[in-house]
């Protein structure tokens, strides 16, 4: 399984490199031309997926070959995990043929499984993991201000919301960990606002890992129902970070972020963002590389995946960007602006794993 995982990661990062090179030499417009659908959005929501069907889940506790149970050498999933984890995967659909991915798109589903191995796997020592297939918005929806893009995101969220309802039925009364990345984190923010805030369900949340998507401390956080995590032994709170090497150029994030109002209705422009330091679990601040318990790294021949400790430091800077200092040696697989978005979880894989276990240990006490 490790070999298949790493070959798949190699293919994935090649796509990232292609996108980065296209941006560097031709700018955003070439990406828009190649990735934004030209057809108008067609609402195909209908009745929507029935998430009582196990086939609509990439990961469930009863799935054989569950990709979320993958671990590098030296780590194992819990035999009887205490919590239930709802994980929303990032964008894995790159086609411009449609605004939303078909649920049976083999290529998008294969990429989503790879994301679960590298990301959702950090939680398998703490919880049983559910991760739905959903009609995600295509990658190009994040490169345009067309109204069709928001419609595509709304459709994707309706699937996530429906899957969450089924998850609650199956998870029983266990403590809940919520997690996502990129588009998945965007939907998780909305889920916190619409399904968690102001409800008894908030008392069951161990932590919400809203990773790779910005949260305004003033325009978003007050409407999400949980506070920001400010200490490593705190539960019932939200974590968020976005990773950049130096010199960091987060303008692509800030440009879109600052043009919108937050979940409170207040403008986001110029507001500080939540920045959790994943190395020490604190809000803001700095942590030395020596405190990094392990970055998920492939071997030179891509035959194994190992955890290498002490490789990457982390410091929250500016409005809330997580700085890695000089760009770490992760290959050339970064986005423009020294954006390590693809590696938000893997840079701190062992620390995030320990973080979830620590917050679960104090939950309810």
Protein backbone atom coordinates (compact mmCIF):
# COMPACT_ATOMS: atom_id res chain seq x y z
CA UNK A 1 0.00 0.00 0.00
CA UNK A 2 2.89 2.37 0.77
CA UNK A 3 4.32 2.00 -2.75
CA UNK A 4 0.94 2.71 -4.33
CA UNK A 5 0.51 5.69 -2.03
CA UNK A 6 3.84 7.24 -2.94
CA UNK A 7 3.53 6.66 -6.68
CA UNK A 8 0.18 8.38 -6.47
CA UNK A 9 1.72 11.26 -4.54
CA UNK A 10 4.35 11.59 -7.25
CA UNK A 11 1.60 11.99 -9.86
CA UNK A 12 -0.20 14.49 -7.65
CA UNK A 13 2.84 16.69 -7.13
CA UNK A 14 3.56 16.64 -10.85
CA UNK A 15 0.16 18.26 -11.32
CA UNK A 16 1.06 20.86 -8.73
CA UNK A 17 4.36 21.57 -10.47
CA UNK A 18 2.61 22.00 -13.81
CA UNK A 19 0.19 24.47 -12.27
CA UNK A 20 3.00 26.37 -10.57
CA UNK A 21 5.05 26.64 -13.76
CA UNK A 22 2.03 27.76 -15.74
CA UNK A 23 1.35 30.46 -13.17
CA UNK A 24 4.98 31.58 -13.03
CA UNK A 25 5.31 32.08 -16.77
CA UNK A 26 1.79 32.90 -17.89
CA UNK A 27 -0.05 34.15 -14.80
CA UNK A 28 -3.49 33.51 -13.43
CA UNK A 29 -5.17 34.03 -16.78
CA UNK A 30 -3.65 30.89 -18.29
CA UNK A 31 -4.87 28.89 -15.31
CA UNK A 32 -8.33 30.33 -15.68
CA UNK A 33 -8.41 29.53 -19.38
CA UNK A 34 -7.37 25.94 -18.78
CA UNK A 35 -9.27 25.14 -15.59
CA UNK A 36 -12.40 27.31 -15.32
CA UNK A 37 -15.42 25.63 -16.99
CA UNK A 38 -16.74 27.53 -20.01
CA UNK A 39 -20.24 26.07 -19.75
CA UNK A 40 -22.83 27.58 -17.44
CA UNK A 41 -23.54 25.91 -14.12
CA UNK A 42 -26.29 23.30 -14.34
CA UNK A 43 -28.02 22.49 -11.07
CA UNK A 44 -28.01 18.71 -11.00
CA UNK A 45 -28.61 18.44 -7.27
CA UNK A 46 -32.00 16.76 -7.55
CA UNK A 47 -32.65 14.60 -4.53
CA UNK A 48 -28.94 14.41 -3.76
CA UNK A 49 -26.81 11.45 -2.68
CA UNK A 50 -28.16 9.05 -0.09
CA UNK A 51 -25.32 8.73 2.39
CA UNK A 52 -26.90 5.72 4.01
CA UNK A 53 -25.24 3.91 1.07
CA UNK A 54 -21.74 2.82 2.19
CA UNK A 55 -20.49 3.23 -1.40
CA UNK A 56 -20.71 7.00 -1.04
CA UNK A 57 -17.99 7.04 1.59
CA UNK A 58 -14.26 6.98 0.85
CA UNK A 59 -13.63 6.05 4.47
CA UNK A 60 -15.89 4.39 7.03
CA UNK A 61 -15.01 2.20 9.99
CA UNK A 62 -16.46 -0.84 8.20
CA UNK A 63 -14.61 -0.31 4.89
CA UNK A 64 -11.94 -2.83 3.96
CA UNK A 65 -8.88 -1.19 2.44
CA UNK A 66 -9.81 2.04 4.21
CA UNK A 67 -7.26 4.65 2.99
CA UNK A 68 -7.62 6.64 6.23
CA UNK A 69 -6.06 3.71 8.12
CA UNK A 70 -2.74 4.06 6.28
CA UNK A 71 0.24 4.83 8.54
CA UNK A 72 4.00 5.15 8.06
CA UNK A 73 6.33 2.69 9.75
CA UNK A 74 6.24 2.97 13.52
CA UNK A 75 2.61 4.07 13.74
CA UNK A 76 -0.63 2.13 13.95
CA UNK A 77 -4.32 3.01 14.00
CA UNK A 78 -6.07 2.60 17.34
CA UNK A 79 -7.75 -0.78 17.76
CA UNK A 80 -10.70 0.77 19.59
CA UNK A 81 -10.72 4.52 18.89
CA UNK A 82 -12.69 6.65 21.33
CA UNK A 83 -13.77 9.48 19.00
CA UNK A 84 -15.56 9.74 15.66
CA UNK A 85 -13.86 11.79 12.95
CA UNK A 86 -15.67 13.57 10.10
CA UNK A 87 -13.08 14.43 7.44
CA UNK A 88 -13.77 16.51 4.30
CA UNK A 89 -11.14 16.00 1.62
CA UNK A 90 -9.66 18.83 -0.49
CA UNK A 91 -10.25 19.41 -4.19
CA UNK A 92 -9.34 16.37 -6.26
CA UNK A 93 -11.39 17.20 -9.39
CA UNK A 94 -9.40 19.23 -11.93
CA UNK A 95 -11.57 18.98 -15.04
CA UNK A 96 -13.19 21.99 -16.69
CA UNK A 97 -15.88 19.79 -18.22
CA UNK A 98 -18.21 20.43 -15.25
CA UNK A 99 -18.49 22.76 -12.31
CA UNK A 100 -18.98 19.81 -9.94
CA UNK A 101 -17.36 16.39 -9.88
CA UNK A 102 -19.53 13.37 -10.66
CA UNK A 103 -19.55 11.02 -7.69
CA UNK A 104 -18.24 8.20 -9.87
CA UNK A 105 -15.30 10.10 -11.39
CA UNK A 106 -12.53 7.51 -11.03
CA UNK A 107 -9.61 9.95 -11.31
CA UNK A 108 -10.99 12.40 -8.73
CA UNK A 109 -11.86 9.56 -6.37
CA UNK A 110 -8.37 8.07 -6.64
CA UNK A 111 -6.80 11.42 -5.78
CA UNK A 112 -9.19 11.83 -2.85
CA UNK A 113 -8.03 8.47 -1.49
CA UNK A 114 -4.43 9.69 -1.68
CA UNK A 115 -5.37 12.78 0.30
CA UNK A 116 -6.92 10.62 2.99
CA UNK A 117 -3.73 8.55 3.30
CA UNK A 118 -1.59 11.64 3.76
CA UNK A 119 -4.02 13.79 5.76
CA UNK A 120 -6.92 11.97 7.43
CA UNK A 121 -4.49 9.28 8.59
CA UNK A 122 -3.17 11.63 11.28
CA UNK A 123 -6.44 11.09 13.17
CA UNK A 124 -6.64 7.29 13.10
CA UNK A 125 -5.00 6.94 16.52
CA UNK A 126 -7.83 8.97 18.08
CA UNK A 127 -10.98 8.25 16.12
CA UNK A 128 -12.86 6.10 13.65
CA UNK A 129 -12.90 8.07 10.41
CA UNK A 130 -15.79 8.85 8.09
CA UNK A 131 -14.96 10.73 4.86
CA UNK A 132 -17.69 11.21 2.23
CA UNK A 133 -17.48 11.37 -1.51
CA UNK A 134 -19.15 14.62 -2.47
CA UNK A 135 -19.81 16.57 -5.63
CA UNK A 136 -16.90 18.87 -4.99
CA UNK A 137 -16.49 22.09 -6.94
CA UNK A 138 -13.84 21.79 -9.61
CA UNK A 139 -10.43 23.40 -9.04
CA UNK A 140 -11.27 26.15 -11.55
CA UNK A 141 -14.10 27.39 -9.32
CA UNK A 142 -11.41 28.93 -7.09
CA UNK A 143 -9.92 30.92 -9.98
CA UNK A 144 -12.94 32.99 -10.96
CA UNK A 145 -15.50 35.36 -9.52
CA UNK A 146 -18.26 33.99 -11.74
CA UNK A 147 -21.56 33.40 -9.96
CA UNK A 148 -21.40 29.85 -11.30
CA UNK A 149 -18.42 29.17 -9.00
CA UNK A 150 -20.42 29.98 -5.88
CA UNK A 151 -23.29 27.83 -7.14
CA UNK A 152 -20.86 24.94 -7.54
CA UNK A 153 -19.57 25.43 -3.99
CA UNK A 154 -23.13 25.60 -2.66
CA UNK A 155 -23.95 22.29 -4.34
CA UNK A 156 -20.82 20.71 -2.89
CA UNK A 157 -21.72 21.96 0.57
CA UNK A 158 -25.23 20.49 0.35
CA UNK A 159 -23.63 17.08 -0.11
CA UNK A 160 -21.29 17.65 2.84
CA UNK A 161 -24.20 18.74 5.01
CA UNK A 162 -26.19 15.64 4.05
CA UNK A 163 -23.20 13.37 4.72
CA UNK A 164 -22.72 14.99 8.13
CA UNK A 165 -26.33 14.18 9.05
CA UNK A 166 -25.71 10.51 8.24
CA UNK A 167 -22.39 10.60 10.10
CA UNK A 168 -24.16 11.76 13.25
CA UNK A 169 -26.55 8.81 12.98
CA UNK A 170 -23.71 6.32 12.68
CA UNK A 171 -21.22 7.87 15.11
CA UNK A 172 -23.48 7.42 18.12
CA UNK A 173 -22.69 9.51 21.19
CA UNK A 174 -18.91 9.51 20.80
CA UNK A 175 -16.81 12.69 20.99
CA UNK A 176 -16.38 14.24 17.55
CA UNK A 177 -13.30 15.51 15.73
CA UNK A 178 -13.98 17.62 12.63
CA UNK A 179 -11.27 18.06 10.02
CA UNK A 180 -10.74 19.13 6.44
CA UNK A 181 -8.27 20.72 4.08
CA UNK A 182 -8.56 23.42 1.41
CA UNK A 183 -12.02 23.11 -0.18
CA UNK A 184 -12.84 20.63 2.57
CA UNK A 185 -11.89 23.24 5.19
CA UNK A 186 -14.06 25.84 3.45
CA UNK A 187 -17.05 23.51 3.76
CA UNK A 188 -16.09 22.72 7.34
CA UNK A 189 -16.20 26.42 8.23
CA UNK A 190 -19.71 26.62 6.81
CA UNK A 191 -20.69 23.45 8.65
CA UNK A 192 -19.50 24.98 11.93
CA UNK A 193 -21.54 28.10 11.24
CA UNK A 194 -24.74 26.36 10.15
CA UNK A 195 -24.75 23.09 12.10
CA UNK A 196 -22.60 23.57 15.22
CA UNK A 197 -22.84 27.19 16.37
CA UNK A 198 -25.54 27.71 18.99
CA UNK A 199 -26.49 24.02 19.21
CA UNK A 200 -25.91 21.30 21.83
CA UNK A 201 -23.74 19.52 19.25
CA UNK A 202 -20.97 22.01 19.98
CA UNK A 203 -20.40 20.35 23.34
CA UNK A 204 -19.39 17.11 21.59
CA UNK A 205 -16.65 18.67 19.47
CA UNK A 206 -13.14 17.77 20.62
CA UNK A 207 -11.55 20.07 18.02
CA UNK A 208 -12.14 21.35 14.50
CA UNK A 209 -9.10 21.30 12.18
CA UNK A 210 -9.90 23.93 9.54
CA UNK A 211 -6.59 23.61 7.70
CA UNK A 212 -5.55 25.38 4.51
CA UNK A 213 -8.39 27.90 4.53
CA UNK A 214 -8.38 31.34 6.20
CA UNK A 215 -10.54 32.24 9.21
CA UNK A 216 -10.87 35.88 10.22
CA UNK A 217 -10.57 36.28 13.97
CA UNK A 218 -13.11 39.13 13.95
CA UNK A 219 -15.35 38.55 10.90
CA UNK A 220 -15.63 34.73 11.01
CA UNK A 221 -14.63 33.18 14.34
CA UNK A 222 -17.43 34.68 16.50
CA UNK A 223 -20.01 33.01 14.24
CA UNK A 224 -18.47 29.53 14.20
CA UNK A 225 -19.62 28.40 17.62
CA UNK A 226 -16.18 27.42 18.99
CA UNK A 227 -13.26 29.54 20.16
CA UNK A 228 -9.77 29.54 18.70
CA UNK A 229 -7.42 26.97 20.26
CA UNK A 230 -4.95 28.97 22.34
CA UNK A 231 -3.33 26.16 24.38
CA UNK A 232 -2.22 22.61 23.54
CA UNK A 233 -4.33 21.02 26.28
CA UNK A 234 -7.57 22.76 25.27
CA UNK A 235 -10.59 21.01 23.72
CA UNK A 236 -13.75 22.31 22.10
CA UNK A 237 -11.86 24.73 19.86
CA UNK A 238 -10.74 25.52 16.29
CA UNK A 239 -7.28 25.16 14.71
CA UNK A 240 -6.23 26.68 11.40
CA UNK A 241 -2.99 27.40 9.53
CA UNK A 242 -1.64 28.06 6.04
CA UNK A 243 1.99 27.15 5.38
CA UNK A 244 4.48 29.35 3.52
CA UNK A 245 8.23 29.32 3.08
CA UNK A 246 10.18 32.58 3.06
CA UNK A 247 9.95 34.94 1.37
CA UNK A 248 6.20 34.38 1.57
CA UNK A 249 3.76 35.95 -0.86
CA UNK A 250 0.19 35.21 0.30
CA UNK A 251 -1.36 37.83 -2.00
CA UNK A 252 -3.43 35.27 -3.90
CA UNK A 253 -5.08 34.32 -0.61
CA UNK A 254 -5.50 37.84 0.72
CA UNK A 255 -6.89 39.23 -2.55
CA UNK A 256 -9.89 36.90 -2.50
CA UNK A 257 -10.23 36.84 1.29
CA UNK A 258 -10.33 40.63 1.58
CA UNK A 259 -13.03 41.02 -1.06
CA UNK A 260 -15.63 39.11 0.98
CA UNK A 261 -17.57 39.56 4.19
CA UNK A 262 -17.20 37.00 6.95
CA UNK A 263 -19.78 34.76 8.61
CA UNK A 264 -20.64 37.58 11.03
CA UNK A 265 -21.46 39.84 8.08
CA UNK A 266 -18.50 42.11 8.83
CA UNK A 267 -15.82 42.79 6.18
CA UNK A 268 -12.73 40.59 6.28
CA UNK A 269 -10.46 43.18 4.71
CA UNK A 270 -7.37 43.76 6.79
CA UNK A 271 -8.51 41.54 9.65
CA UNK A 272 -6.16 39.10 11.41
CA UNK A 273 -6.52 35.39 10.68
CA UNK A 274 -6.49 32.44 13.04
CA UNK A 275 -2.99 30.96 13.03
CA UNK A 276 -2.44 27.87 15.14
CA UNK A 277 1.16 26.74 15.43
CA UNK A 278 0.83 23.00 14.69
CA UNK A 279 4.18 22.21 16.30
CA UNK A 280 3.12 23.26 19.80
CA UNK A 281 -0.65 23.66 19.54
CA UNK A 282 -0.54 27.30 20.59
CA UNK A 283 -2.19 30.34 19.02
CA UNK A 284 0.55 32.24 17.23
CA UNK A 285 4.14 32.27 18.36
CA UNK A 286 7.16 30.34 17.20
CA UNK A 287 8.38 26.75 17.53
CA UNK A 288 11.83 25.43 16.65
CA UNK A 289 12.39 22.60 14.20
CA UNK A 290 13.65 20.48 17.09
CA UNK A 291 10.08 20.42 18.46
CA UNK A 292 8.67 19.01 15.20
CA UNK A 293 7.91 15.36 15.99
CA UNK A 294 7.90 14.34 12.36
CA UNK A 295 7.31 15.37 8.76
CA UNK A 296 5.90 12.75 6.39
CA UNK A 297 8.62 12.19 3.78
CA UNK A 298 9.03 9.69 0.91
CA UNK A 299 12.26 7.78 0.43
CA UNK A 300 14.52 8.60 -2.52
CA UNK A 301 13.18 5.67 -4.56
CA UNK A 302 9.56 6.35 -3.55
CA UNK A 303 9.21 2.84 -2.14
CA UNK A 304 8.46 3.83 1.45
CA UNK A 305 7.14 6.71 3.52
CA UNK A 306 8.88 7.68 6.72
CA UNK A 307 8.55 10.20 9.49
CA UNK A 308 11.57 12.49 9.87
CA UNK A 309 11.70 14.54 13.06
CA UNK A 310 13.29 17.93 13.64
CA UNK A 311 13.09 19.07 10.03
CA UNK A 312 10.64 22.02 9.89
CA UNK A 313 10.08 24.97 12.27
CA UNK A 314 6.92 27.08 12.35
CA UNK A 315 6.17 30.71 13.25
CA UNK A 316 2.93 32.66 12.89
CA UNK A 317 3.67 36.00 11.25
CA UNK A 318 1.83 39.04 9.90
CA UNK A 319 -1.92 38.72 9.65
CA UNK A 320 -1.78 35.00 10.38
CA UNK A 321 0.46 33.16 7.93
CA UNK A 322 2.42 30.15 9.18
CA UNK A 323 6.03 30.75 8.17
CA UNK A 324 8.35 27.78 7.70
CA UNK A 325 11.41 30.00 7.46
CA UNK A 326 13.74 29.16 4.55
CA UNK A 327 11.81 26.87 2.19
CA UNK A 328 12.14 23.29 3.49
CA UNK A 329 13.43 20.55 1.22
CA UNK A 330 10.15 19.03 0.05
CA UNK A 331 11.15 19.03 -3.61
CA UNK A 332 9.89 21.58 -6.11
CA UNK A 333 6.28 20.88 -5.33
CA UNK A 334 5.18 24.23 -4.00
CA UNK A 335 2.71 26.75 -5.32
CA UNK A 336 3.61 30.32 -6.33
CA UNK A 337 4.56 32.61 -3.47
CA UNK A 338 6.36 29.79 -1.61
CA UNK A 339 2.94 28.42 -0.72
CA UNK A 340 3.26 24.95 0.87
CA UNK A 341 -0.51 24.44 0.78
CA UNK A 342 -0.22 20.85 -0.44
CA UNK A 343 1.89 20.00 2.61
CA UNK A 344 -0.17 21.68 5.37
CA UNK A 345 -0.72 18.32 7.08
CA UNK A 346 2.37 16.33 6.07
CA UNK A 347 4.86 18.97 7.27
CA UNK A 348 3.56 18.40 10.81
CA UNK A 349 2.07 14.92 10.51
CA UNK A 350 3.31 13.55 13.84
CA UNK A 351 2.53 16.76 15.73
CA UNK A 352 -1.04 16.90 14.45
CA UNK A 353 -1.47 13.26 15.41
CA UNK A 354 -0.25 14.01 18.93
CA UNK A 355 -2.36 17.16 19.06
CA UNK A 356 -5.60 15.29 18.37
CA UNK A 357 -4.77 12.65 20.97
CA UNK A 358 -3.91 15.28 23.57
CA UNK A 359 -7.12 17.25 23.04
CA UNK A 360 -9.17 14.07 23.17
CA UNK A 361 -7.49 13.08 26.45
CA UNK A 362 -8.67 16.30 28.15
CA UNK A 363 -12.09 16.38 26.50
CA UNK A 364 -14.90 16.33 29.03
CA UNK A 365 -12.61 16.88 32.00
